[in-house]
């Protein structure tokens, strides 16, 4: 992520974790969480682990993974990307796993 995350952007649990950080307490950075803050990166790692675990489970339950991948439609891939976004940012963003209606920079 390249943009700072406001209180309105993030889930309450992440904002509460940020409020306990030295940056929030000492530097007065109360308006937004820096995009590469340790508490954000920690939650991204949890999201990546969830994606990995889901992928491994799916592979273990598929007899022919190559065939399944070749049979996927564009809609299947779009649903997969939305699901990955949901899993990756589940503990970070309030709005996740949906297509944006405007540009976010």
PDB file of N, CA and C in Angstrom:
ATOM      1  N   UNK A   1       0.836  -1.168   0.000  1.00  0.00           N
ATOM      2  CA  UNK A   1       0.000   0.000   0.000  1.00  0.00           C
ATOM      3  C   UNK A   1       0.884   1.235   0.000  1.00  0.00           C
ATOM      4  N   UNK A   2       0.477   2.232  -0.762  1.00  0.00           N
ATOM      5  CA  UNK A   2       1.282   3.434  -0.877  1.00  0.00           C
ATOM      6  C   UNK A   2       0.666   4.653  -0.199  1.00  0.00           C
ATOM      7  N   UNK A   3      -0.560   4.548   0.242  1.00  0.00           N
ATOM      8  CA  UNK A   3      -1.212   5.705   0.856  1.00  0.00           C
ATOM      9  C   UNK A   3      -1.420   5.463   2.347  1.00  0.00           C
ATOM     10  N   UNK A   4      -1.412   6.545   3.096  1.00  0.00           N
ATOM     11  CA  UNK A   4      -1.696   6.428   4.519  1.00  0.00           C
ATOM     12  C   UNK A   4      -3.155   6.041   4.720  1.00  0.00           C
ATOM     13  N   UNK A   5      -3.424   5.337   5.810  1.00  0.00           N
ATOM     14  CA  UNK A   5      -4.758   4.815   6.068  1.00  0.00           C
ATOM     15  C   UNK A   5      -5.412   5.584   7.200  1.00  0.00           C
ATOM     16  N   UNK A   6      -6.523   6.212   6.904  1.00  0.00           N
ATOM     17  CA  UNK A   6      -7.222   6.982   7.920  1.00  0.00           C
ATOM     18  C   UNK A   6      -8.012   6.061   8.845  1.00  0.00           C
ATOM     19  N   UNK A   7      -8.472   6.622   9.934  1.00  0.00           N
ATOM     20  CA  UNK A   7      -9.286   5.868  10.883  1.00  0.00           C
ATOM     21  C   UNK A   7     -10.533   5.314  10.203  1.00  0.00           C
ATOM     22  N   UNK A   8     -11.071   6.051   9.237  1.00  0.00           N
ATOM     23  CA  UNK A   8     -12.273   5.608   8.523  1.00  0.00           C
ATOM     24  C   UNK A   8     -11.995   4.464   7.552  1.00  0.00           C
ATOM     25  N   UNK A   9     -10.731   4.294   7.152  1.00  0.00           N
ATOM     26  CA  UNK A   9     -10.361   3.252   6.191  1.00  0.00           C
ATOM     27  C   UNK A   9     -10.153   1.891   6.841  1.00  0.00           C
ATOM     28  N   UNK A  10      -9.679   1.891   8.080  1.00  0.00           N
ATOM     29  CA  UNK A  10      -9.196   0.645   8.676  1.00  0.00           C
ATOM     30  C   UNK A  10     -10.179   0.079   9.700  1.00  0.00           C
ATOM     31  N   UNK A  11     -10.013  -1.219   9.942  1.00  0.00           N
ATOM     32  CA  UNK A  11     -10.848  -1.871  10.950  1.00  0.00           C
ATOM     33  C   UNK A  11     -10.449  -1.357  12.336  1.00  0.00           C
ATOM     34  N   UNK A  12     -11.391  -1.376  13.227  1.00  0.00           N
ATOM     35  CA  UNK A  12     -11.195  -0.818  14.572  1.00  0.00           C
ATOM     36  C   UNK A  12     -10.019  -1.452  15.288  1.00  0.00           C
ATOM     37  N   UNK A  13      -9.864  -2.757  15.152  1.00  0.00           N
ATOM     38  CA  UNK A  13      -8.775  -3.459  15.843  1.00  0.00           C
ATOM     39  C   UNK A  13      -7.401  -2.939  15.421  1.00  0.00           C
ATOM     40  N   UNK A  14      -7.234  -2.662  14.131  1.00  0.00           N
ATOM     41  CA  UNK A  14      -5.958  -2.145  13.639  1.00  0.00           C
ATOM     42  C   UNK A  14      -5.735  -0.721  14.147  1.00  0.00           C
ATOM     43  N   UNK A  15      -6.763   0.106  14.127  1.00  0.00           N
ATOM     44  CA  UNK A  15      -6.615   1.472  14.622  1.00  0.00           C
ATOM     45  C   UNK A  15      -6.244   1.468  16.105  1.00  0.00           C
ATOM     46  N   UNK A  16      -6.864   0.589  16.872  1.00  0.00           N
ATOM     47  CA  UNK A  16      -6.540   0.498  18.302  1.00  0.00           C
ATOM     48  C   UNK A  16      -5.094   0.063  18.517  1.00  0.00           C
ATOM     49  N   UNK A  17      -4.608  -0.852  17.680  1.00  0.00           N
ATOM     50  CA  UNK A  17      -3.198  -1.271  17.769  1.00  0.00           C
ATOM     51  C   UNK A  17      -2.283  -0.103  17.426  1.00  0.00           C
ATOM     52  N   UNK A  18      -2.656   0.672  16.426  1.00  0.00           N
ATOM     53  CA  UNK A  18      -1.846   1.828  16.037  1.00  0.00           C
ATOM     54  C   UNK A  18      -1.814   2.869  17.154  1.00  0.00           C
ATOM     55  N   UNK A  19      -2.933   3.070  17.836  1.00  0.00           N
ATOM     56  CA  UNK A  19      -2.993   4.065  18.914  1.00  0.00           C
ATOM     57  C   UNK A  19      -2.040   3.720  20.061  1.00  0.00           C
ATOM     58  N   UNK A  20      -1.650   2.458  20.170  1.00  0.00           N
ATOM     59  CA  UNK A  20      -0.707   2.045  21.215  1.00  0.00           C
ATOM     60  C   UNK A  20       0.747   2.195  20.770  1.00  0.00           C
ATOM     61  N   UNK A  21       0.958   2.514  19.503  1.00  0.00           N
ATOM     62  CA  UNK A  21       2.324   2.598  18.977  1.00  0.00           C
ATOM     63  C   UNK A  21       2.996   3.903  19.387  1.00  0.00           C
ATOM     64  N   UNK A  22       4.331   3.891  19.444  1.00  0.00           N
ATOM     65  CA  UNK A  22       5.077   5.108  19.785  1.00  0.00           C
ATOM     66  C   UNK A  22       4.828   6.246  18.786  1.00  0.00           C
ATOM     67  N   UNK A  23       4.625   5.910  17.502  1.00  0.00           N
ATOM     68  CA  UNK A  23       4.389   6.942  16.492  1.00  0.00           C
ATOM     69  C   UNK A  23       3.126   7.738  16.815  1.00  0.00           C
ATOM     70  N   UNK A  24       2.105   7.038  17.217  1.00  0.00           N
ATOM     71  CA  UNK A  24       0.846   7.704  17.547  1.00  0.00           C
ATOM     72  C   UNK A  24       0.991   8.536  18.815  1.00  0.00           C
ATOM     73  N   UNK A  25       1.607   7.942  19.821  1.00  0.00           N
ATOM     74  CA  UNK A  25       1.726   8.609  21.121  1.00  0.00           C
ATOM     75  C   UNK A  25       2.709   9.774  21.102  1.00  0.00           C
ATOM     76  N   UNK A  26       3.864   9.592  20.468  1.00  0.00           N
ATOM     77  CA  UNK A  26       4.947  10.575  20.574  1.00  0.00           C
ATOM     78  C   UNK A  26       5.016  11.581  19.434  1.00  0.00           C
ATOM     79  N   UNK A  27       4.687  11.160  18.251  1.00  0.00           N
ATOM     80  CA  UNK A  27       4.869  12.044  17.107  1.00  0.00           C
ATOM     81  C   UNK A  27       3.580  12.745  16.679  1.00  0.00           C
ATOM     82  N   UNK A  28       2.483  12.390  17.304  1.00  0.00           N
ATOM     83  CA  UNK A  28       1.235  13.054  16.990  1.00  0.00           C
ATOM     84  C   UNK A  28       0.666  12.698  15.631  1.00  0.00           C
ATOM     85  N   UNK A  29       1.015  11.519  15.106  1.00  0.00           N
ATOM     86  CA  UNK A  29       0.490  11.088  13.803  1.00  0.00           C
ATOM     87  C   UNK A  29      -0.890  10.470  14.015  1.00  0.00           C
ATOM     88  N   UNK A  30      -1.848  11.306  14.334  1.00  0.00           N
ATOM     89  CA  UNK A  30      -3.159  10.793  14.713  1.00  0.00           C
ATOM     90  C   UNK A  30      -4.138  10.714  13.550  1.00  0.00           C
ATOM     91  N   UNK A  31      -3.800  11.298  12.417  1.00  0.00           N
ATOM     92  CA  UNK A  31      -4.758  11.349  11.322  1.00  0.00           C
ATOM     93  C   UNK A  31      -4.780  10.088  10.479  1.00  0.00           C
ATOM     94  N   UNK A  32      -3.651   9.416  10.358  1.00  0.00           N
ATOM     95  CA  UNK A  32      -3.601   8.235   9.496  1.00  0.00           C
ATOM     96  C   UNK A  32      -2.415   7.347   9.864  1.00  0.00           C
ATOM     97  N   UNK A  33      -2.560   6.082   9.543  1.00  0.00           N
ATOM     98  CA  UNK A  33      -1.484   5.115   9.768  1.00  0.00           C
ATOM     99  C   UNK A  33      -0.587   5.129   8.533  1.00  0.00           C
ATOM    100  N   UNK A  34       0.725   5.293   8.694  1.00  0.00           N
ATOM    101  CA  UNK A  34       1.620   5.203   7.539  1.00  0.00           C
ATOM    102  C   UNK A  34       1.457   3.831   6.867  1.00  0.00           C
ATOM    103  N   UNK A  35       1.529   3.790   5.538  1.00  0.00           N
ATOM    104  CA  UNK A  35       1.216   2.547   4.823  1.00  0.00           C
ATOM    105  C   UNK A  35       2.126   1.371   5.154  1.00  0.00           C
ATOM    106  N   UNK A  36       3.353   1.639   5.565  1.00  0.00           N
ATOM    107  CA  UNK A  36       4.278   0.540   5.861  1.00  0.00           C
ATOM    108  C   UNK A  36       4.565   0.438   7.354  1.00  0.00           C
ATOM    109  N   UNK A  37       3.615   0.857   8.145  1.00  0.00           N
ATOM    110  CA  UNK A  37       3.771   0.769   9.595  1.00  0.00           C
ATOM    111  C   UNK A  37       3.806  -0.696  10.007  1.00  0.00           C
ATOM    112  N   UNK A  38       4.558  -0.987  11.061  1.00  0.00           N
ATOM    113  CA  UNK A  38       4.728  -2.360  11.536  1.00  0.00           C
ATOM    114  C   UNK A  38       3.389  -3.055  11.808  1.00  0.00           C
ATOM    115  N   UNK A  39       2.415  -2.342  12.377  1.00  0.00           N
ATOM    116  CA  UNK A  39       1.144  -3.004  12.689  1.00  0.00           C
ATOM    117  C   UNK A  39       0.369  -3.354  11.419  1.00  0.00           C
ATOM    118  N   UNK A  40       0.532  -2.569  10.344  1.00  0.00           N
ATOM    119  CA  UNK A  40      -0.116  -2.877   9.069  1.00  0.00           C
ATOM    120  C   UNK A  40       0.577  -4.071   8.415  1.00  0.00           C
ATOM    121  N   UNK A  41       1.896  -4.047   8.387  1.00  0.00           N
ATOM    122  CA  UNK A  41       2.638  -5.145   7.766  1.00  0.00           C
ATOM    123  C   UNK A  41       2.403  -6.469   8.483  1.00  0.00           C
ATOM    124  N   UNK A  42       2.252  -6.424   9.793  1.00  0.00           N
ATOM    125  CA  UNK A  42       1.956  -7.637  10.556  1.00  0.00           C
ATOM    126  C   UNK A  42       0.622  -8.239  10.106  1.00  0.00           C
ATOM    127  N   UNK A  43      -0.372  -7.394   9.916  1.00  0.00           N
ATOM    128  CA  UNK A  43      -1.678  -7.890   9.492  1.00  0.00           C
ATOM    129  C   UNK A  43      -1.664  -8.375   8.044  1.00  0.00           C
ATOM    130  N   UNK A  44      -0.846  -7.741   7.190  1.00  0.00           N
ATOM    131  CA  UNK A  44      -0.695  -8.220   5.818  1.00  0.00           C
ATOM    132  C   UNK A  44      -0.076  -9.615   5.797  1.00  0.00           C
ATOM    133  N   UNK A  45       0.889  -9.858   6.672  1.00  0.00           N
ATOM    134  CA  UNK A  45       1.504 -11.192   6.746  1.00  0.00           C
ATOM    135  C   UNK A  45       0.476 -12.237   7.148  1.00  0.00           C
ATOM    136  N   UNK A  46      -0.409 -11.881   8.056  1.00  0.00           N
ATOM    137  CA  UNK A  46      -1.476 -12.811   8.453  1.00  0.00           C
ATOM    138  C   UNK A  46      -2.386 -13.080   7.256  1.00  0.00           C
ATOM    139  N   UNK A  47      -2.710 -12.026   6.501  1.00  0.00           N
ATOM    140  CA  UNK A  47      -3.534 -12.189   5.308  1.00  0.00           C
ATOM    141  C   UNK A  47      -2.863 -13.060   4.263  1.00  0.00           C
ATOM    142  N   UNK A  48      -1.566 -12.865   4.049  1.00  0.00           N
ATOM    143  CA  UNK A  48      -0.831 -13.710   3.097  1.00  0.00           C
ATOM    144  C   UNK A  48      -0.815 -15.165   3.549  1.00  0.00           C
ATOM    145  N   UNK A  49      -0.671 -15.386   4.845  1.00  0.00           N
ATOM    146  CA  UNK A  49      -0.720 -16.753   5.366  1.00  0.00           C
ATOM    147  C   UNK A  49      -2.082 -17.378   5.102  1.00  0.00           C
ATOM    148  N   UNK A  50      -3.143 -16.607   5.275  1.00  0.00           N
ATOM    149  CA  UNK A  50      -4.488 -17.124   5.018  1.00  0.00           C
ATOM    150  C   UNK A  50      -4.675 -17.493   3.548  1.00  0.00           C
ATOM    151  N   UNK A  51      -4.148 -16.654   2.636  1.00  0.00           N
ATOM    152  CA  UNK A  51      -4.220 -16.971   1.201  1.00  0.00           C
ATOM    153  C   UNK A  51      -3.453 -18.255   0.909  1.00  0.00           C
ATOM    154  N   UNK A  52      -2.253 -18.359   1.455  1.00  0.00           N
ATOM    155  CA  UNK A  52      -1.426 -19.549   1.249  1.00  0.00           C
ATOM    156  C   UNK A  52      -2.135 -20.803   1.757  1.00  0.00           C
ATOM    157  N   UNK A  53      -2.672 -20.734   2.968  1.00  0.00           N
ATOM    158  CA  UNK A  53      -3.347 -21.903   3.540  1.00  0.00           C
ATOM    159  C   UNK A  53      -4.561 -22.311   2.711  1.00  0.00           C
ATOM    160  N   UNK A  54      -5.303 -21.336   2.217  1.00  0.00           N
ATOM    161  CA  UNK A  54      -6.462 -21.653   1.376  1.00  0.00           C
ATOM    162  C   UNK A  54      -6.005 -22.323   0.082  1.00  0.00           C
ATOM    163  N   UNK A  55      -4.931 -21.807  -0.495  1.00  0.00           N
ATOM    164  CA  UNK A  55      -4.395 -22.370  -1.733  1.00  0.00           C
ATOM    165  C   UNK A  55      -3.925 -23.808  -1.524  1.00  0.00           C
ATOM    166  N   UNK A  56      -3.189 -24.058  -0.455  1.00  0.00           N
ATOM    167  CA  UNK A  56      -2.686 -25.406  -0.169  1.00  0.00           C
ATOM    168  C   UNK A  56      -3.847 -26.371   0.069  1.00  0.00           C
ATOM    169  N   UNK A  57      -4.847 -25.930   0.811  1.00  0.00           N
ATOM    170  CA  UNK A  57      -6.018 -26.777   1.056  1.00  0.00           C
ATOM    171  C   UNK A  57      -6.721 -27.121  -0.254  1.00  0.00           C
ATOM    172  N   UNK A  58      -6.864 -26.123  -1.130  1.00  0.00           N
ATOM    173  CA  UNK A  58      -7.509 -26.370  -2.416  1.00  0.00           C
ATOM    174  C   UNK A  58      -6.705 -27.365  -3.253  1.00  0.00           C
ATOM    175  N   UNK A  59      -5.377 -27.228  -3.239  1.00  0.00           N
ATOM    176  CA  UNK A  59      -4.541 -28.165  -3.995  1.00  0.00           C
ATOM    177  C   UNK A  59      -4.637 -29.581  -3.445  1.00  0.00           C
ATOM    178  N   UNK A  60      -4.677 -29.704  -2.133  1.00  0.00           N
ATOM    179  CA  UNK A  60      -4.766 -31.031  -1.514  1.00  0.00           C
ATOM    180  C   UNK A  60      -6.096 -31.716  -1.828  1.00  0.00           C
ATOM    181  N   UNK A  61      -7.128 -30.917  -2.085  1.00  0.00           N
ATOM    182  CA  UNK A  61      -8.448 -31.472  -2.365  1.00  0.00           C
ATOM    183  C   UNK A  61      -8.751 -31.572  -3.851  1.00  0.00           C
ATOM    184  N   UNK A  62      -7.742 -31.351  -4.701  1.00  0.00           N
ATOM    185  CA  UNK A  62      -7.933 -31.406  -6.149  1.00  0.00           C
ATOM    186  C   UNK A  62      -7.059 -32.510  -6.723  1.00  0.00           C
ATOM    187  N   UNK A  63      -7.685 -33.407  -7.457  1.00  0.00           N
ATOM    188  CA  UNK A  63      -6.911 -34.511  -8.027  1.00  0.00           C
ATOM    189  C   UNK A  63      -6.063 -34.052  -9.211  1.00  0.00           C
ATOM    190  N   UNK A  64      -6.546 -33.109 -10.019  1.00  0.00           N
ATOM    191  CA  UNK A  64      -5.783 -32.632 -11.168  1.00  0.00           C
ATOM    192  C   UNK A  64      -5.811 -31.101 -11.189  1.00  0.00           C
ATOM    193  N   UNK A  65      -4.873 -30.497 -10.467  1.00  0.00           N
ATOM    194  CA  UNK A  65      -4.845 -29.043 -10.324  1.00  0.00           C
ATOM    195  C   UNK A  65      -4.633 -28.347 -11.668  1.00  0.00           C
ATOM    196  N   UNK A  66      -3.776 -28.892 -12.527  1.00  0.00           N
ATOM    197  CA  UNK A  66      -3.524 -28.263 -13.829  1.00  0.00           C
ATOM    198  C   UNK A  66      -4.793 -28.182 -14.661  1.00  0.00           C
ATOM    199  N   UNK A  67      -5.566 -29.253 -14.681  1.00  0.00           N
ATOM    200  CA  UNK A  67      -6.806 -29.264 -15.444  1.00  0.00           C
ATOM    201  C   UNK A  67      -7.799 -28.255 -14.874  1.00  0.00           C
ATOM    202  N   UNK A  68      -7.896 -28.198 -13.564  1.00  0.00           N
ATOM    203  CA  UNK A  68      -8.806 -27.246 -12.920  1.00  0.00           C
ATOM    204  C   UNK A  68      -8.437 -25.807 -13.288  1.00  0.00           C
ATOM    205  N   UNK A  69      -7.135 -25.494 -13.280  1.00  0.00           N
ATOM    206  CA  UNK A  69      -6.700 -24.147 -13.635  1.00  0.00           C
ATOM    207  C   UNK A  69      -7.000 -23.821 -15.095  1.00  0.00           C
ATOM    208  N   UNK A  70      -6.807 -24.783 -15.986  1.00  0.00           N
ATOM    209  CA  UNK A  70      -7.072 -24.560 -17.411  1.00  0.00           C
ATOM    210  C   UNK A  70      -8.557 -24.367 -17.687  1.00  0.00           C
ATOM    211  N   UNK A  71      -9.406 -24.949 -16.875  1.00  0.00           N
ATOM    212  CA  UNK A  71     -10.851 -24.858 -17.085  1.00  0.00           C
ATOM    213  C   UNK A  71     -11.461 -23.572 -16.514  1.00  0.00           C
ATOM    214  N   UNK A  72     -10.683 -22.803 -15.789  1.00  0.00           N
ATOM    215  CA  UNK A  72     -11.224 -21.582 -15.170  1.00  0.00           C
ATOM    216  C   UNK A  72     -11.631 -20.552 -16.213  1.00  0.00           C
ATOM    217  N   UNK A  73     -12.719 -19.877 -15.920  1.00  0.00           N
ATOM    218  CA  UNK A  73     -13.197 -18.798 -16.776  1.00  0.00           C
ATOM    219  C   UNK A  73     -12.679 -17.465 -16.236  1.00  0.00           C
ATOM    220  N   UNK A  74     -12.897 -16.404 -17.011  1.00  0.00           N
ATOM    221  CA  UNK A  74     -12.524 -15.070 -16.555  1.00  0.00           C
ATOM    222  C   UNK A  74     -13.268 -14.747 -15.257  1.00  0.00           C
ATOM    223  N   UNK A  75     -14.523 -15.109 -15.178  1.00  0.00           N
ATOM    224  CA  UNK A  75     -15.300 -14.888 -13.967  1.00  0.00           C
ATOM    225  C   UNK A  75     -14.724 -15.613 -12.763  1.00  0.00           C
ATOM    226  N   UNK A  76     -14.215 -16.829 -12.988  1.00  0.00           N
ATOM    227  CA  UNK A  76     -13.583 -17.579 -11.896  1.00  0.00           C
ATOM    228  C   UNK A  76     -12.350 -16.839 -11.375  1.00  0.00           C
ATOM    229  N   UNK A  77     -11.530 -16.322 -12.307  1.00  0.00           N
ATOM    230  CA  UNK A  77     -10.322 -15.604 -11.906  1.00  0.00           C
ATOM    231  C   UNK A  77     -10.672 -14.313 -11.176  1.00  0.00           C
ATOM    232  N   UNK A  78     -11.683 -13.590 -11.660  1.00  0.00           N
ATOM    233  CA  UNK A  78     -12.091 -12.348 -10.999  1.00  0.00           C
ATOM    234  C   UNK A  78     -12.569 -12.630  -9.581  1.00  0.00           C
ATOM    235  N   UNK A  79     -13.320 -13.702  -9.422  1.00  0.00           N
ATOM    236  CA  UNK A  79     -13.790 -14.075  -8.083  1.00  0.00           C
ATOM    237  C   UNK A  79     -12.607 -14.440  -7.188  1.00  0.00           C
ATOM    238  N   UNK A  80     -11.617 -15.103  -7.758  1.00  0.00           N
ATOM    239  CA  UNK A  80     -10.421 -15.471  -6.999  1.00  0.00           C
ATOM    240  C   UNK A  80      -9.662 -14.228  -6.537  1.00  0.00           C
ATOM    241  N   UNK A  81      -9.510 -13.249  -7.414  1.00  0.00           N
ATOM    242  CA  UNK A  81      -8.793 -12.014  -7.054  1.00  0.00           C
ATOM    243  C   UNK A  81      -9.532 -11.261  -5.960  1.00  0.00           C
ATOM    244  N   UNK A  82     -10.846 -11.197  -6.080  1.00  0.00           N
ATOM    245  CA  UNK A  82     -11.637 -10.525  -5.040  1.00  0.00           C
ATOM    246  C   UNK A  82     -11.488 -11.254  -3.711  1.00  0.00           C
ATOM    247  N   UNK A  83     -11.492 -12.570  -3.768  1.00  0.00           N
ATOM    248  CA  UNK A  83     -11.333 -13.368  -2.550  1.00  0.00           C
ATOM    249  C   UNK A  83      -9.950 -13.147  -1.933  1.00  0.00           C
ATOM    250  N   UNK A  84      -8.911 -13.077  -2.775  1.00  0.00           N
ATOM    251  CA  UNK A  84      -7.560 -12.825  -2.258  1.00  0.00           C
ATOM    252  C   UNK A  84      -7.485 -11.444  -1.604  1.00  0.00           C
ATOM    253  N   UNK A  85      -8.113 -10.456  -2.207  1.00  0.00           N
ATOM    254  CA  UNK A  85      -8.122  -9.110  -1.642  1.00  0.00           C
ATOM    255  C   UNK A  85      -8.831  -9.121  -0.287  1.00  0.00           C
ATOM    256  N   UNK A  86      -9.927  -9.845  -0.206  1.00  0.00           N
ATOM    257  CA  UNK A  86     -10.661  -9.980   1.057  1.00  0.00           C
ATOM    258  C   UNK A  86      -9.777 -10.619   2.125  1.00  0.00           C
ATOM    259  N   UNK A  87      -9.094 -11.694   1.787  1.00  0.00           N
ATOM    260  CA  UNK A  87      -8.241 -12.381   2.753  1.00  0.00           C
ATOM    261  C   UNK A  87      -7.025 -11.546   3.148  1.00  0.00           C
ATOM    262  N   UNK A  88      -6.387 -10.908   2.167  1.00  0.00           N
ATOM    263  CA  UNK A  88      -5.177 -10.141   2.435  1.00  0.00           C
ATOM    264  C   UNK A  88      -5.448  -8.952   3.354  1.00  0.00           C
ATOM    265  N   UNK A  89      -6.549  -8.265   3.122  1.00  0.00           N
ATOM    266  CA  UNK A  89      -6.831  -7.041   3.872  1.00  0.00           C
ATOM    267  C   UNK A  89      -7.931  -7.201   4.921  1.00  0.00           C
ATOM    268  N   UNK A  90      -8.252  -8.440   5.261  1.00  0.00           N
ATOM    269  CA  UNK A  90      -9.330  -8.706   6.211  1.00  0.00           C
ATOM    270  C   UNK A  90      -9.118  -8.008   7.553  1.00  0.00           C
ATOM    271  N   UNK A  91      -7.895  -7.966   8.019  1.00  0.00           N
ATOM    272  CA  UNK A  91      -7.593  -7.366   9.319  1.00  0.00           C
ATOM    273  C   UNK A  91      -7.082  -5.929   9.188  1.00  0.00           C
ATOM    274  N   UNK A  92      -7.228  -5.351   7.993  1.00  0.00           N
ATOM    275  CA  UNK A  92      -6.717  -3.997   7.751  1.00  0.00           C
ATOM    276  C   UNK A  92      -7.821  -3.044   7.307  1.00  0.00           C
ATOM    277  N   UNK A  93      -8.436  -3.337   6.171  1.00  0.00           N
ATOM    278  CA  UNK A  93      -9.385  -2.401   5.565  1.00  0.00           C
ATOM    279  C   UNK A  93     -10.838  -2.765   5.846  1.00  0.00           C
ATOM    280  N   UNK A  94     -11.655  -1.730   6.032  1.00  0.00           N
ATOM    281  CA  UNK A  94     -13.092  -1.956   6.161  1.00  0.00           C
ATOM    282  C   UNK A  94     -13.685  -2.368   4.812  1.00  0.00           C
ATOM    283  N   UNK A  95     -13.246  -1.711   3.756  1.00  0.00           N
ATOM    284  CA  UNK A  95     -13.717  -2.020   2.399  1.00  0.00           C
ATOM    285  C   UNK A  95     -12.705  -2.931   1.729  1.00  0.00           C
ATOM    286  N   UNK A  96     -13.070  -4.161   1.534  1.00  0.00           N
ATOM    287  CA  UNK A  96     -12.142  -5.119   0.920  1.00  0.00           C
ATOM    288  C   UNK A  96     -12.945  -6.173   0.169  1.00  0.00           C
ATOM    289  N   UNK A  97     -12.316  -6.753  -0.836  1.00  0.00           N
ATOM    290  CA  UNK A  97     -12.967  -7.812  -1.594  1.00  0.00           C
ATOM    291  C   UNK A  97     -14.060  -7.335  -2.522  1.00  0.00           C
ATOM    292  N   UNK A  98     -14.093  -6.021  -2.800  1.00  0.00           N
ATOM    293  CA  UNK A  98     -15.089  -5.476  -3.728  1.00  0.00           C
ATOM    294  C   UNK A  98     -14.373  -4.625  -4.766  1.00  0.00           C
ATOM    295  N   UNK A  99     -15.000  -4.486  -5.921  1.00  0.00           N
ATOM    296  CA  UNK A  99     -14.434  -3.632  -6.963  1.00  0.00           C
ATOM    297  C   UNK A  99     -14.657  -2.182  -6.579  1.00  0.00           C
ATOM    298  N   UNK A 100     -13.632  -1.373  -6.785  1.00  0.00           N
ATOM    299  CA  UNK A 100     -13.724   0.058  -6.480  1.00  0.00           C
ATOM    300  C   UNK A 100     -14.495   0.785  -7.563  1.00  0.00           C
ATOM    301  N   UNK A 101     -15.223   1.800  -7.146  1.00  0.00           N
ATOM    302  CA  UNK A 101     -15.967   2.604  -8.116  1.00  0.00           C
ATOM    303  C   UNK A 101     -15.186   3.859  -8.511  1.00  0.00           C
ATOM    304  N   UNK A 102     -14.040   4.096  -7.849  1.00  0.00           N
ATOM    305  CA  UNK A 102     -13.216   5.261  -8.192  1.00  0.00           C
ATOM    306  C   UNK A 102     -11.748   4.898  -7.989  1.00  0.00           C
ATOM    307  N   UNK A 103     -10.874   5.727  -8.560  1.00  0.00           N
ATOM    308  CA  UNK A 103      -9.428   5.498  -8.413  1.00  0.00           C
ATOM    309  C   UNK A 103      -8.998   5.762  -6.978  1.00  0.00           C
ATOM    310  N   UNK A 104      -8.068   4.948  -6.501  1.00  0.00           N
ATOM    311  CA  UNK A 104      -7.477   5.153  -5.194  1.00  0.00           C
ATOM    312  C   UNK A 104      -5.987   5.285  -5.412  1.00  0.00           C
ATOM    313  N   UNK A 105      -5.420   6.370  -4.945  1.00  0.00           N
ATOM    314  CA  UNK A 105      -3.980   6.597  -5.148  1.00  0.00           C
ATOM    315  C   UNK A 105      -3.301   6.786  -3.830  1.00  0.00           C
TER     316      UNK A 105
END
